[in-house]
Amino acid sequence: MINKTSLLKITQEALWWIITAAVCWLIFYPITTKIDYYYWRENLVFLISAITSIRYAIFYNQLSFLQPNIVKFLLFTANLVLWVYVLNRYEMLLQLYENFDLSFYGKMRKQMVIAEQVDMLHLIYKQILIAGISALTGIVILNVRIIGAYWRVAKIRFSTRMQE
């Protein structure tokens, strides 16, 4: 039987995932209505990892599923892999911008004049830039928070052993 506290925490986590999905939809909507965006998966990874890692770093002590040591270790190592993946894809997407051609990002759904294409390229560039930097920063902050929690516990254990 689930008690009220656990139900509240599950509801909060579900609400945060709904908010994350809504933010992703709001960010992608202007892009996907005008072009058939090829790199939406990479961008989605950027956005979800940015929002989730920053949220986990801020509410680290309140999230009970992050307290077991094995979860911390798995999250830490997964974040290292995710950081390398995000950096790799981030660099690739920014290199596409140097071509200054919208067709590298996706097929246009309707014909656009040059000014609209330039505006769309700037929108995609800003979105990739903000989401990528936020994801990389959020992952680093969460990993620093995990290391800090480990060292706090180790310091307390060391202090109690020294007092004995």
Protein backbone atom coordinates (compact mmCIF):
# COMPACT_ATOMS: atom_id res chain seq x y z
CA MET A 1 0.00 0.00 0.00
CA ILE A 2 1.33 3.41 -0.94
CA ASN A 3 1.19 6.00 1.81
CA LYS A 4 0.25 9.64 1.23
CA THR A 5 3.84 10.89 1.26
CA SER A 6 4.92 8.44 -1.43
CA LEU A 7 1.85 9.24 -3.49
CA LEU A 8 2.64 12.95 -3.22
CA LYS A 9 6.24 12.39 -4.37
CA ILE A 10 5.10 10.26 -7.31
CA THR A 11 2.55 12.93 -8.25
CA GLN A 12 5.20 15.66 -8.02
CA GLU A 13 7.58 13.69 -10.25
CA ALA A 14 4.80 13.03 -12.79
CA LEU A 15 3.88 16.72 -12.74
CA TRP A 16 7.50 17.69 -13.42
CA TRP A 17 7.64 15.29 -16.38
CA ILE A 18 4.41 16.80 -17.72
CA ILE A 19 5.93 20.28 -17.35
CA THR A 20 9.07 19.09 -19.16
CA ALA A 21 6.97 17.68 -22.01
CA ALA A 22 5.00 20.95 -22.25
CA VAL A 23 8.17 23.05 -22.37
CA CYS A 24 9.63 20.80 -25.08
CA TRP A 25 6.44 21.05 -27.12
CA LEU A 26 6.37 24.86 -26.78
CA ILE A 27 9.97 25.12 -27.93
CA PHE A 28 9.59 22.72 -30.86
CA TYR A 29 6.22 23.97 -32.10
CA PRO A 30 7.48 27.02 -34.07
CA ILE A 31 10.17 24.92 -35.72
CA THR A 32 8.16 21.82 -36.56
CA THR A 33 5.27 23.77 -38.05
CA LYS A 34 7.55 25.20 -40.75
CA ILE A 35 10.07 22.43 -41.41
CA ASP A 36 10.28 18.67 -41.07
CA TYR A 37 13.02 18.91 -38.43
CA TYR A 38 15.63 16.14 -38.80
CA TYR A 39 17.37 16.65 -35.46
CA TRP A 40 14.42 16.77 -33.10
CA ARG A 41 15.68 13.70 -31.18
CA GLU A 42 19.01 15.33 -30.38
CA ASN A 43 17.30 18.55 -29.40
CA LEU A 44 14.83 16.64 -27.25
CA VAL A 45 17.73 14.97 -25.43
CA PHE A 46 19.27 18.43 -24.86
CA LEU A 47 16.06 19.87 -23.45
CA ILE A 48 15.09 16.91 -21.27
CA SER A 49 18.59 16.50 -19.85
CA ALA A 50 18.83 20.24 -19.18
CA ILE A 51 15.50 20.51 -17.38
CA THR A 52 15.83 17.23 -15.50
CA SER A 53 19.45 17.58 -14.41
CA ILE A 54 18.98 21.15 -13.20
CA ARG A 55 15.81 20.14 -11.35
CA TYR A 56 17.53 17.11 -9.79
CA ALA A 57 20.47 19.29 -8.71
CA ILE A 58 18.19 21.88 -7.10
CA PHE A 59 15.92 19.39 -5.33
CA TYR A 60 18.63 16.79 -4.69
CA ASN A 61 17.95 16.28 -0.98
CA GLN A 62 14.18 16.09 -1.45
CA LEU A 63 14.25 13.33 -4.08
CA SER A 64 14.17 10.06 -2.17
CA PHE A 65 14.99 7.89 -5.20
CA LEU A 66 18.38 9.66 -5.50
CA GLN A 67 19.48 8.71 -1.98
CA PRO A 68 20.71 5.09 -2.44
CA ASN A 69 24.42 4.93 -3.23
CA ILE A 70 23.95 2.62 -6.22
CA VAL A 71 21.51 5.11 -7.80
CA LYS A 72 23.99 7.94 -7.23
CA PHE A 73 26.78 5.92 -8.82
CA LEU A 74 24.67 4.89 -11.81
CA LEU A 75 23.41 8.43 -12.32
CA PHE A 76 26.95 9.82 -12.06
CA THR A 77 28.34 7.40 -14.67
CA ALA A 78 25.30 7.80 -16.94
CA ASN A 79 25.75 11.58 -16.74
CA LEU A 80 29.36 11.26 -17.90
CA VAL A 81 28.24 9.31 -20.97
CA LEU A 82 25.35 11.71 -21.54
CA TRP A 83 27.69 14.71 -21.27
CA VAL A 84 29.97 13.30 -24.00
CA TYR A 85 26.96 12.50 -26.20
CA VAL A 86 25.44 15.97 -25.77
CA LEU A 87 28.77 17.64 -26.48
CA ASN A 88 29.28 15.56 -29.62
CA ARG A 89 25.81 16.24 -31.02
CA TYR A 90 25.92 19.88 -29.93
CA GLU A 91 29.12 20.44 -31.90
CA MET A 92 27.68 18.64 -34.94
CA LEU A 93 24.51 20.75 -34.93
CA LEU A 94 26.45 23.99 -34.56
CA GLN A 95 28.70 23.02 -37.48
CA LEU A 96 25.59 22.61 -39.63
CA TYR A 97 24.74 26.24 -38.91
CA GLU A 98 27.95 27.32 -40.64
CA ASN A 99 26.46 26.10 -43.94
CA PHE A 100 23.70 28.68 -43.45
CA ASP A 101 21.20 26.52 -45.31
CA LEU A 102 17.89 25.48 -43.79
CA SER A 103 17.80 22.28 -45.85
CA PHE A 104 20.53 20.80 -43.61
CA TYR A 105 18.11 20.97 -40.65
CA GLY A 106 15.00 19.75 -42.39
CA LYS A 107 12.72 19.80 -45.39
CA MET A 108 10.49 22.85 -45.61
CA ARG A 109 6.79 22.10 -45.21
CA LYS A 110 5.88 25.13 -47.30
CA GLN A 111 7.89 27.48 -49.45
CA MET A 112 9.56 30.27 -47.47
CA VAL A 113 11.19 33.45 -48.66
CA ILE A 114 14.83 34.07 -47.81
CA ALA A 115 14.01 36.32 -44.84
CA GLU A 116 11.83 33.61 -43.29
CA GLN A 117 14.55 31.02 -43.81
CA VAL A 118 17.12 33.27 -42.14
CA ASP A 119 14.76 33.86 -39.20
CA MET A 120 14.16 30.11 -38.91
CA LEU A 121 17.91 29.43 -38.97
CA HIS A 122 18.46 31.99 -36.21
CA LEU A 123 15.65 30.45 -34.17
CA ILE A 124 17.10 26.96 -34.55
CA TYR A 125 20.59 28.23 -33.74
CA LYS A 126 19.44 30.01 -30.57
CA GLN A 127 17.41 27.02 -29.48
CA ILE A 128 20.34 24.63 -29.99
CA LEU A 129 22.73 27.03 -28.28
CA ILE A 130 20.58 27.55 -25.18
CA ALA A 131 19.44 23.93 -24.87
CA GLY A 132 22.94 22.51 -25.41
CA ILE A 133 24.68 24.81 -22.97
CA SER A 134 21.91 24.29 -20.41
CA ALA A 135 22.19 20.51 -20.77
CA LEU A 136 25.98 20.49 -20.42
CA THR A 137 25.86 22.86 -17.45
CA GLY A 138 23.03 20.98 -15.76
CA ILE A 139 24.83 17.66 -16.08
CA VAL A 140 28.00 19.12 -14.57
CA ILE A 141 26.07 20.75 -11.71
CA LEU A 142 24.26 17.49 -10.91
CA ASN A 143 27.52 15.52 -10.93
CA VAL A 144 29.15 18.10 -8.65
CA ARG A 145 26.15 17.82 -6.35
CA ILE A 146 26.48 14.01 -6.27
CA ILE A 147 30.21 14.26 -5.48
CA GLY A 148 29.52 16.89 -2.79
CA ALA A 149 26.94 14.65 -1.13
CA TYR A 150 29.38 11.75 -1.15
CA TRP A 151 32.14 13.85 0.42
CA ARG A 152 29.80 15.23 3.09
CA VAL A 153 28.88 11.70 4.15
CA ALA A 154 32.53 10.61 4.04
CA LYS A 155 33.55 13.62 6.16
CA ILE A 156 30.89 12.83 8.78
CA ARG A 157 31.95 9.19 8.92
CA PHE A 158 35.60 10.16 9.22
CA SER A 159 34.82 12.66 12.01
CA THR A 160 32.85 10.10 14.01
CA ARG A 161 35.68 7.55 13.68
CA MET A 162 38.22 10.11 14.85
CA GLN A 163 36.10 10.96 17.91
CA GLU A 164 35.88 7.33 18.99
